[in-house]
């Protein structure tokens, strides 16, 4: 999965954007995230997954916002989430 990580100016947040078009079934991802010890809130249009003080907003389009995290940590988390989401679609 190819994606780019963009640091949001003046913030500790990163936006992660997939380079190809995709759609995820987020409802099916909730259990996998919980099994990875994430606290998950399903907001219907997106999931909010929290663990160790880091929040990850995951949208159906594959876009994510990871806060707070350094860019490299956001990249690592995105790889993990894309692998999970790809398996749950």
PDB file of N, CA and C in Angstrom:
ATOM      1  N   UNK A   1       0.844  -1.165   0.000  1.00  0.00           N
ATOM      2  CA  UNK A   1       0.000   0.000   0.000  1.00  0.00           C
ATOM      3  C   UNK A   1       0.893   1.233   0.000  1.00  0.00           C
ATOM      4  N   UNK A   2       0.701   2.078  -0.989  1.00  0.00           N
ATOM      5  CA  UNK A   2       1.458   3.318  -1.061  1.00  0.00           C
ATOM      6  C   UNK A   2       0.622   4.447  -0.475  1.00  0.00           C
ATOM      7  N   UNK A   3       1.278   5.272   0.325  1.00  0.00           N
ATOM      8  CA  UNK A   3       0.614   6.401   0.952  1.00  0.00           C
ATOM      9  C   UNK A   3       1.650   7.473   1.251  1.00  0.00           C
ATOM     10  N   UNK A   4       1.167   8.671   1.550  1.00  0.00           N
ATOM     11  CA  UNK A   4       2.090   9.724   1.957  1.00  0.00           C
ATOM     12  C   UNK A   4       1.640  10.266   3.308  1.00  0.00           C
ATOM     13  N   UNK A   5       2.626  10.691   4.093  1.00  0.00           N
ATOM     14  CA  UNK A   5       2.384  11.263   5.410  1.00  0.00           C
ATOM     15  C   UNK A   5       2.717  12.741   5.318  1.00  0.00           C
ATOM     16  N   UNK A   6       1.769  13.582   5.700  1.00  0.00           N
ATOM     17  CA  UNK A   6       1.953  15.023   5.638  1.00  0.00           C
ATOM     18  C   UNK A   6       1.764  15.588   7.035  1.00  0.00           C
ATOM     19  N   UNK A   7       2.793  16.264   7.531  1.00  0.00           N
ATOM     20  CA  UNK A   7       2.717  16.908   8.842  1.00  0.00           C
ATOM     21  C   UNK A   7       1.827  18.136   8.740  1.00  0.00           C
ATOM     22  N   UNK A   8       0.877  18.278   9.641  1.00  0.00           N
ATOM     23  CA  UNK A   8      -0.001  19.445   9.652  1.00  0.00           C
ATOM     24  C   UNK A   8       0.765  20.596  10.292  1.00  0.00           C
ATOM     25  N   UNK A   9       0.874  21.707   9.577  1.00  0.00           N
ATOM     26  CA  UNK A   9       1.660  22.863  10.016  1.00  0.00           C
ATOM     27  C   UNK A   9       1.276  23.315  11.418  1.00  0.00           C
ATOM     28  N   UNK A  10       2.298  23.603  12.220  1.00  0.00           N
ATOM     29  CA  UNK A  10       2.073  24.127  13.556  1.00  0.00           C
ATOM     30  C   UNK A  10       1.388  23.155  14.493  1.00  0.00           C
ATOM     31  N   UNK A  11       1.495  21.875  14.213  1.00  0.00           N
ATOM     32  CA  UNK A  11       0.769  20.873  14.977  1.00  0.00           C
ATOM     33  C   UNK A  11       1.640  19.639  15.183  1.00  0.00           C
ATOM     34  N   UNK A  12       1.203  18.776  16.072  1.00  0.00           N
ATOM     35  CA  UNK A  12       1.871  17.484  16.253  1.00  0.00           C
ATOM     36  C   UNK A  12       1.079  16.375  15.575  1.00  0.00           C
ATOM     37  N   UNK A  13       0.196  16.769  14.650  1.00  0.00           N
ATOM     38  CA  UNK A  13      -0.640  15.807  13.933  1.00  0.00           C
ATOM     39  C   UNK A  13      -0.103  15.571  12.520  1.00  0.00           C
ATOM     40  N   UNK A  14      -0.381  14.390  12.015  1.00  0.00           N
ATOM     41  CA  UNK A  14      -0.010  14.009  10.661  1.00  0.00           C
ATOM     42  C   UNK A  14      -1.244  13.497   9.929  1.00  0.00           C
ATOM     43  N   UNK A  15      -1.381  13.902   8.685  1.00  0.00           N
ATOM     44  CA  UNK A  15      -2.425  13.351   7.829  1.00  0.00           C
ATOM     45  C   UNK A  15      -1.778  12.289   6.956  1.00  0.00           C
ATOM     46  N   UNK A  16      -2.433  11.150   6.858  1.00  0.00           N
ATOM     47  CA  UNK A  16      -1.932  10.063   6.030  1.00  0.00           C
ATOM     48  C   UNK A  16      -2.924   9.884   4.886  1.00  0.00           C
ATOM     49  N   UNK A  17      -2.404   9.947   3.657  1.00  0.00           N
ATOM     50  CA  UNK A  17      -3.255   9.891   2.471  1.00  0.00           C
ATOM     51  C   UNK A  17      -2.842   8.735   1.574  1.00  0.00           C
ATOM     52  N   UNK A  18      -3.776   7.817   1.284  1.00  0.00           N
ATOM     53  CA  UNK A  18      -3.441   6.719   0.366  1.00  0.00           C
ATOM     54  C   UNK A  18      -3.269   7.267  -1.048  1.00  0.00           C
ATOM     55  N   UNK A  19      -2.365   6.678  -1.796  1.00  0.00           N
ATOM     56  CA  UNK A  19      -2.110   7.137  -3.159  1.00  0.00           C
ATOM     57  C   UNK A  19      -3.034   6.492  -4.186  1.00  0.00           C
ATOM     58  N   UNK A  20      -3.781   5.504  -3.754  1.00  0.00           N
ATOM     59  CA  UNK A  20      -4.743   4.883  -4.653  1.00  0.00           C
ATOM     60  C   UNK A  20      -6.120   4.932  -4.014  1.00  0.00           C
ATOM     61  N   UNK A  21      -7.115   4.873  -4.840  1.00  0.00           N
ATOM     62  CA  UNK A  21      -8.488   4.948  -4.353  1.00  0.00           C
ATOM     63  C   UNK A  21      -8.859   3.672  -3.606  1.00  0.00           C
ATOM     64  N   UNK A  22      -9.540   3.830  -2.479  1.00  0.00           N
ATOM     65  CA  UNK A  22      -9.927   2.664  -1.688  1.00  0.00           C
ATOM     66  C   UNK A  22     -11.155   2.981  -0.850  1.00  0.00           C
ATOM     67  N   UNK A  23     -11.766   1.950  -0.335  1.00  0.00           N
ATOM     68  CA  UNK A  23     -12.893   2.100   0.585  1.00  0.00           C
ATOM     69  C   UNK A  23     -12.818   0.960   1.587  1.00  0.00           C
ATOM     70  N   UNK A  24     -12.871   1.284   2.865  1.00  0.00           N
ATOM     71  CA  UNK A  24     -12.783   0.281   3.915  1.00  0.00           C
ATOM     72  C   UNK A  24     -14.118   0.116   4.625  1.00  0.00           C
ATOM     73  N   UNK A  25     -14.381  -1.088   5.059  1.00  0.00           N
ATOM     74  CA  UNK A  25     -15.539  -1.370   5.904  1.00  0.00           C
ATOM     75  C   UNK A  25     -15.068  -1.198   7.344  1.00  0.00           C
ATOM     76  N   UNK A  26     -15.271  -0.018   7.879  1.00  0.00           N
ATOM     77  CA  UNK A  26     -14.746   0.291   9.201  1.00  0.00           C
ATOM     78  C   UNK A  26     -15.410  -0.509  10.310  1.00  0.00           C
ATOM     79  N   UNK A  27     -16.670  -0.839  10.149  1.00  0.00           N
ATOM     80  CA  UNK A  27     -17.363  -1.614  11.187  1.00  0.00           C
ATOM     81  C   UNK A  27     -16.663  -2.954  11.431  1.00  0.00           C
ATOM     82  N   UNK A  28     -16.142  -3.535  10.373  1.00  0.00           N
ATOM     83  CA  UNK A  28     -15.448  -4.817  10.515  1.00  0.00           C
ATOM     84  C   UNK A  28     -14.063  -4.653  11.137  1.00  0.00           C
ATOM     85  N   UNK A  29     -13.548  -3.427  11.180  1.00  0.00           N
ATOM     86  CA  UNK A  29     -12.218  -3.177  11.727  1.00  0.00           C
ATOM     87  C   UNK A  29     -12.225  -2.961  13.231  1.00  0.00           C
ATOM     88  N   UNK A  30     -13.374  -2.668  13.797  1.00  0.00           N
ATOM     89  CA  UNK A  30     -13.441  -2.343  15.226  1.00  0.00           C
ATOM     90  C   UNK A  30     -12.868  -3.468  16.081  1.00  0.00           C
ATOM     91  N   UNK A  31     -13.265  -4.699  15.850  1.00  0.00           N
ATOM     92  CA  UNK A  31     -12.799  -5.826  16.667  1.00  0.00           C
ATOM     93  C   UNK A  31     -11.288  -6.003  16.575  1.00  0.00           C
ATOM     94  N   UNK A  32     -10.735  -5.924  15.355  1.00  0.00           N
ATOM     95  CA  UNK A  32      -9.290  -6.077  15.204  1.00  0.00           C
ATOM     96  C   UNK A  32      -8.531  -4.991  15.965  1.00  0.00           C
ATOM     97  N   UNK A  33      -9.038  -3.773  15.911  1.00  0.00           N
ATOM     98  CA  UNK A  33      -8.394  -2.679  16.645  1.00  0.00           C
ATOM     99  C   UNK A  33      -8.470  -2.917  18.148  1.00  0.00           C
ATOM    100  N   UNK A  34      -9.606  -3.384  18.620  1.00  0.00           N
ATOM    101  CA  UNK A  34      -9.755  -3.671  20.046  1.00  0.00           C
ATOM    102  C   UNK A  34      -8.832  -4.812  20.466  1.00  0.00           C
ATOM    103  N   UNK A  35      -8.634  -5.789  19.595  1.00  0.00           N
ATOM    104  CA  UNK A  35      -7.711  -6.887  19.893  1.00  0.00           C
ATOM    105  C   UNK A  35      -6.268  -6.400  19.982  1.00  0.00           C
ATOM    106  N   UNK A  36      -5.980  -5.251  19.354  1.00  0.00           N
ATOM    107  CA  UNK A  36      -4.648  -4.643  19.426  1.00  0.00           C
ATOM    108  C   UNK A  36      -4.577  -3.645  20.589  1.00  0.00           C
ATOM    109  N   UNK A  37      -5.535  -3.736  21.504  1.00  0.00           N
ATOM    110  CA  UNK A  37      -5.606  -2.904  22.705  1.00  0.00           C
ATOM    111  C   UNK A  37      -5.902  -1.434  22.437  1.00  0.00           C
ATOM    112  N   UNK A  38      -6.551  -1.140  21.315  1.00  0.00           N
ATOM    113  CA  UNK A  38      -7.005   0.222  21.051  1.00  0.00           C
ATOM    114  C   UNK A  38      -8.398   0.399  21.635  1.00  0.00           C
ATOM    115  N   UNK A  39      -8.640   1.563  22.197  1.00  0.00           N
ATOM    116  CA  UNK A  39      -9.985   1.967  22.569  1.00  0.00           C
ATOM    117  C   UNK A  39     -10.589   2.548  21.298  1.00  0.00           C
ATOM    118  N   UNK A  40     -11.771   2.079  20.895  1.00  0.00           N
ATOM    119  CA  UNK A  40     -12.327   2.474  19.603  1.00  0.00           C
ATOM    120  C   UNK A  40     -13.719   3.084  19.777  1.00  0.00           C
ATOM    121  N   UNK A  41     -13.902   4.234  19.135  1.00  0.00           N
ATOM    122  CA  UNK A  41     -15.211   4.862  19.067  1.00  0.00           C
ATOM    123  C   UNK A  41     -15.620   4.875  17.596  1.00  0.00           C
ATOM    124  N   UNK A  42     -16.783   4.288  17.312  1.00  0.00           N
ATOM    125  CA  UNK A  42     -17.307   4.252  15.949  1.00  0.00           C
ATOM    126  C   UNK A  42     -18.212   5.461  15.762  1.00  0.00           C
ATOM    127  N   UNK A  43     -17.785   6.382  14.925  1.00  0.00           N
ATOM    128  CA  UNK A  43     -18.571   7.590  14.671  1.00  0.00           C
ATOM    129  C   UNK A  43     -19.285   7.509  13.323  1.00  0.00           C
ATOM    130  N   UNK A  44     -19.468   6.307  12.825  1.00  0.00           N
ATOM    131  CA  UNK A  44     -20.148   5.977  11.572  1.00  0.00           C
ATOM    132  C   UNK A  44     -19.381   6.428  10.330  1.00  0.00           C
ATOM    133  N   UNK A  45     -18.940   7.663  10.255  1.00  0.00           N
ATOM    134  CA  UNK A  45     -18.175   8.119   9.086  1.00  0.00           C
ATOM    135  C   UNK A  45     -16.686   7.905   9.288  1.00  0.00           C
ATOM    136  N   UNK A  46     -16.282   7.597  10.522  1.00  0.00           N
ATOM    137  CA  UNK A  46     -14.879   7.354  10.840  1.00  0.00           C
ATOM    138  C   UNK A  46     -14.775   6.624  12.169  1.00  0.00           C
ATOM    139  N   UNK A  47     -13.595   6.045  12.383  1.00  0.00           N
ATOM    140  CA  UNK A  47     -13.294   5.428  13.673  1.00  0.00           C
ATOM    141  C   UNK A  47     -12.268   6.288  14.381  1.00  0.00           C
ATOM    142  N   UNK A  48     -12.383   6.377  15.688  1.00  0.00           N
ATOM    143  CA  UNK A  48     -11.379   7.047  16.496  1.00  0.00           C
ATOM    144  C   UNK A  48     -10.760   5.977  17.381  1.00  0.00           C
ATOM    145  N   UNK A  49      -9.510   5.643  17.096  1.00  0.00           N
ATOM    146  CA  UNK A  49      -8.799   4.611  17.842  1.00  0.00           C
ATOM    147  C   UNK A  49      -7.728   5.287  18.696  1.00  0.00           C
ATOM    148  N   UNK A  50      -7.695   4.948  19.986  1.00  0.00           N
ATOM    149  CA  UNK A  50      -6.752   5.574  20.914  1.00  0.00           C
ATOM    150  C   UNK A  50      -5.973   4.505  21.667  1.00  0.00           C
ATOM    151  N   UNK A  51      -4.663   4.755  21.774  1.00  0.00           N
ATOM    152  CA  UNK A  51      -3.796   3.848  22.531  1.00  0.00           C
ATOM    153  C   UNK A  51      -2.531   4.605  22.908  1.00  0.00           C
ATOM    154  N   UNK A  52      -2.109   4.466  24.150  1.00  0.00           N
ATOM    155  CA  UNK A  52      -0.870   5.091  24.628  1.00  0.00           C
ATOM    156  C   UNK A  52      -0.829   6.592  24.339  1.00  0.00           C
ATOM    157  N   UNK A  53      -1.966   7.266  24.447  1.00  0.00           N
ATOM    158  CA  UNK A  53      -2.011   8.706  24.271  1.00  0.00           C
ATOM    159  C   UNK A  53      -2.005   9.199  22.834  1.00  0.00           C
ATOM    160  N   UNK A  54      -2.063   8.275  21.877  1.00  0.00           N
ATOM    161  CA  UNK A  54      -2.092   8.655  20.462  1.00  0.00           C
ATOM    162  C   UNK A  54      -3.469   8.342  19.897  1.00  0.00           C
ATOM    163  N   UNK A  55      -4.063   9.326  19.232  1.00  0.00           N
ATOM    164  CA  UNK A  55      -5.369   9.158  18.598  1.00  0.00           C
ATOM    165  C   UNK A  55      -5.193   8.996  17.098  1.00  0.00           C
ATOM    166  N   UNK A  56      -5.932   8.052  16.540  1.00  0.00           N
ATOM    167  CA  UNK A  56      -5.911   7.832  15.100  1.00  0.00           C
ATOM    168  C   UNK A  56      -7.350   7.897  14.599  1.00  0.00           C
ATOM    169  N   UNK A  57      -7.617   8.883  13.757  1.00  0.00           N
ATOM    170  CA  UNK A  57      -8.909   8.996  13.097  1.00  0.00           C
ATOM    171  C   UNK A  57      -8.784   8.272  11.767  1.00  0.00           C
ATOM    172  N   UNK A  58      -9.654   7.300  11.525  1.00  0.00           N
ATOM    173  CA  UNK A  58      -9.580   6.483  10.318  1.00  0.00           C
ATOM    174  C   UNK A  58     -10.874   6.667   9.535  1.00  0.00           C
ATOM    175  N   UNK A  59     -10.754   7.097   8.295  1.00  0.00           N
ATOM    176  CA  UNK A  59     -11.912   7.361   7.449  1.00  0.00           C
ATOM    177  C   UNK A  59     -12.088   6.242   6.426  1.00  0.00           C
ATOM    178  N   UNK A  60     -13.291   6.073   5.915  1.00  0.00           N
ATOM    179  CA  UNK A  60     -13.598   5.020   4.930  1.00  0.00           C
ATOM    180  C   UNK A  60     -12.699   5.097   3.701  1.00  0.00           C
ATOM    181  N   UNK A  61     -12.292   6.299   3.346  1.00  0.00           N
ATOM    182  CA  UNK A  61     -11.468   6.497   2.152  1.00  0.00           C
ATOM    183  C   UNK A  61     -10.019   6.061   2.345  1.00  0.00           C
ATOM    184  N   UNK A  62      -9.658   5.663   3.572  1.00  0.00           N
ATOM    185  CA  UNK A  62      -8.281   5.288   3.863  1.00  0.00           C
ATOM    186  C   UNK A  62      -7.467   6.429   4.437  1.00  0.00           C
ATOM    187  N   UNK A  63      -8.027   7.627   4.455  1.00  0.00           N
ATOM    188  CA  UNK A  63      -7.334   8.771   5.044  1.00  0.00           C
ATOM    189  C   UNK A  63      -7.285   8.588   6.553  1.00  0.00           C
ATOM    190  N   UNK A  64      -6.178   9.022   7.171  1.00  0.00           N
ATOM    191  CA  UNK A  64      -6.028   8.960   8.617  1.00  0.00           C
ATOM    192  C   UNK A  64      -5.443  10.266   9.121  1.00  0.00           C
ATOM    193  N   UNK A  65      -5.765  10.591  10.351  1.00  0.00           N
ATOM    194  CA  UNK A  65      -5.109  11.680  11.059  1.00  0.00           C
ATOM    195  C   UNK A  65      -4.566  11.065  12.341  1.00  0.00           C
ATOM    196  N   UNK A  66      -3.255  11.192  12.537  1.00  0.00           N
ATOM    197  CA  UNK A  66      -2.587  10.597  13.698  1.00  0.00           C
ATOM    198  C   UNK A  66      -2.017  11.730  14.540  1.00  0.00           C
ATOM    199  N   UNK A  67      -2.431  11.748  15.843  1.00  0.00           N
ATOM    200  CA  UNK A  67      -2.066  12.862  16.713  1.00  0.00           C
ATOM    201  C   UNK A  67      -1.907  12.403  18.151  1.00  0.00           C
ATOM    202  N   UNK A  68      -0.960  12.817  18.898  1.00  0.00           N
ATOM    203  CA  UNK A  68       0.286  13.432  18.478  1.00  0.00           C
ATOM    204  C   UNK A  68       1.294  12.348  18.141  1.00  0.00           C
ATOM    205  N   UNK A  69       2.094  12.569  17.149  1.00  0.00           N
ATOM    206  CA  UNK A  69       3.127  11.604  16.757  1.00  0.00           C
ATOM    207  C   UNK A  69       4.127  12.269  15.830  1.00  0.00           C
ATOM    208  N   UNK A  70       5.374  11.853  15.947  1.00  0.00           N
ATOM    209  CA  UNK A  70       6.381  12.283  14.988  1.00  0.00           C
ATOM    210  C   UNK A  70       6.057  11.633  13.644  1.00  0.00           C
ATOM    211  N   UNK A  71       6.562  12.214  12.585  1.00  0.00           N
ATOM    212  CA  UNK A  71       6.215  11.757  11.238  1.00  0.00           C
ATOM    213  C   UNK A  71       6.577  10.281  11.019  1.00  0.00           C
ATOM    214  N   UNK A  72       7.744   9.859  11.494  1.00  0.00           N
ATOM    215  CA  UNK A  72       8.157   8.467  11.284  1.00  0.00           C
ATOM    216  C   UNK A  72       7.259   7.510  12.069  1.00  0.00           C
ATOM    217  N   UNK A  73       6.879   7.887  13.280  1.00  0.00           N
ATOM    218  CA  UNK A  73       5.962   7.049  14.073  1.00  0.00           C
ATOM    219  C   UNK A  73       4.598   6.969  13.392  1.00  0.00           C
ATOM    220  N   UNK A  74       4.141   8.091  12.829  1.00  0.00           N
ATOM    221  CA  UNK A  74       2.872   8.104  12.098  1.00  0.00           C
ATOM    222  C   UNK A  74       2.949   7.164  10.891  1.00  0.00           C
ATOM    223  N   UNK A  75       4.081   7.147  10.201  1.00  0.00           N
ATOM    224  CA  UNK A  75       4.264   6.250   9.051  1.00  0.00           C
ATOM    225  C   UNK A  75       4.167   4.782   9.491  1.00  0.00           C
ATOM    226  N   UNK A  76       4.834   4.446  10.592  1.00  0.00           N
ATOM    227  CA  UNK A  76       4.801   3.070  11.099  1.00  0.00           C
ATOM    228  C   UNK A  76       3.378   2.655  11.469  1.00  0.00           C
ATOM    229  N   UNK A  77       2.666   3.555  12.136  1.00  0.00           N
ATOM    230  CA  UNK A  77       1.296   3.252  12.529  1.00  0.00           C
ATOM    231  C   UNK A  77       0.400   3.099  11.306  1.00  0.00           C
ATOM    232  N   UNK A  78       0.593   3.954  10.307  1.00  0.00           N
ATOM    233  CA  UNK A  78      -0.214   3.878   9.086  1.00  0.00           C
ATOM    234  C   UNK A  78      -0.009   2.528   8.396  1.00  0.00           C
ATOM    235  N   UNK A  79       1.232   2.063   8.323  1.00  0.00           N
ATOM    236  CA  UNK A  79       1.494   0.759   7.710  1.00  0.00           C
ATOM    237  C   UNK A  79       0.731  -0.340   8.448  1.00  0.00           C
ATOM    238  N   UNK A  80       0.753  -0.278   9.759  1.00  0.00           N
ATOM    239  CA  UNK A  80       0.053  -1.265  10.578  1.00  0.00           C
ATOM    240  C   UNK A  80      -1.458  -1.192  10.340  1.00  0.00           C
ATOM    241  N   UNK A  81      -2.009   0.015  10.329  1.00  0.00           N
ATOM    242  CA  UNK A  81      -3.445   0.173  10.127  1.00  0.00           C
ATOM    243  C   UNK A  81      -3.866  -0.240   8.716  1.00  0.00           C
ATOM    244  N   UNK A  82      -3.092   0.111   7.706  1.00  0.00           N
ATOM    245  CA  UNK A  82      -3.461  -0.268   6.340  1.00  0.00           C
ATOM    246  C   UNK A  82      -3.453  -1.787   6.189  1.00  0.00           C
ATOM    247  N   UNK A  83      -2.497  -2.449   6.828  1.00  0.00           N
ATOM    248  CA  UNK A  83      -2.476  -3.909   6.777  1.00  0.00           C
ATOM    249  C   UNK A  83      -3.735  -4.469   7.437  1.00  0.00           C
ATOM    250  N   UNK A  84      -4.099  -3.940   8.573  1.00  0.00           N
ATOM    251  CA  UNK A  84      -5.302  -4.379   9.277  1.00  0.00           C
ATOM    252  C   UNK A  84      -6.556  -4.099   8.460  1.00  0.00           C
ATOM    253  N   UNK A  85      -6.676  -2.875   7.956  1.00  0.00           N
ATOM    254  CA  UNK A  85      -7.880  -2.502   7.210  1.00  0.00           C
ATOM    255  C   UNK A  85      -8.006  -3.290   5.921  1.00  0.00           C
ATOM    256  N   UNK A  86      -6.898  -3.574   5.272  1.00  0.00           N
ATOM    257  CA  UNK A  86      -6.938  -4.351   4.028  1.00  0.00           C
ATOM    258  C   UNK A  86      -7.461  -5.760   4.317  1.00  0.00           C
ATOM    259  N   UNK A  87      -7.105  -6.314   5.473  1.00  0.00           N
ATOM    260  CA  UNK A  87      -7.575  -7.645   5.820  1.00  0.00           C
ATOM    261  C   UNK A  87      -9.045  -7.653   6.235  1.00  0.00           C
ATOM    262  N   UNK A  88      -9.555  -6.492   6.650  1.00  0.00           N
ATOM    263  CA  UNK A  88     -10.928  -6.478   7.155  1.00  0.00           C
ATOM    264  C   UNK A  88     -11.947  -6.000   6.127  1.00  0.00           C
ATOM    265  N   UNK A  89     -11.521  -5.717   4.883  1.00  0.00           N
ATOM    266  CA  UNK A  89     -12.468  -5.269   3.874  1.00  0.00           C
ATOM    267  C   UNK A  89     -13.114  -6.435   3.174  1.00  0.00           C
TER     268      UNK A  89
END
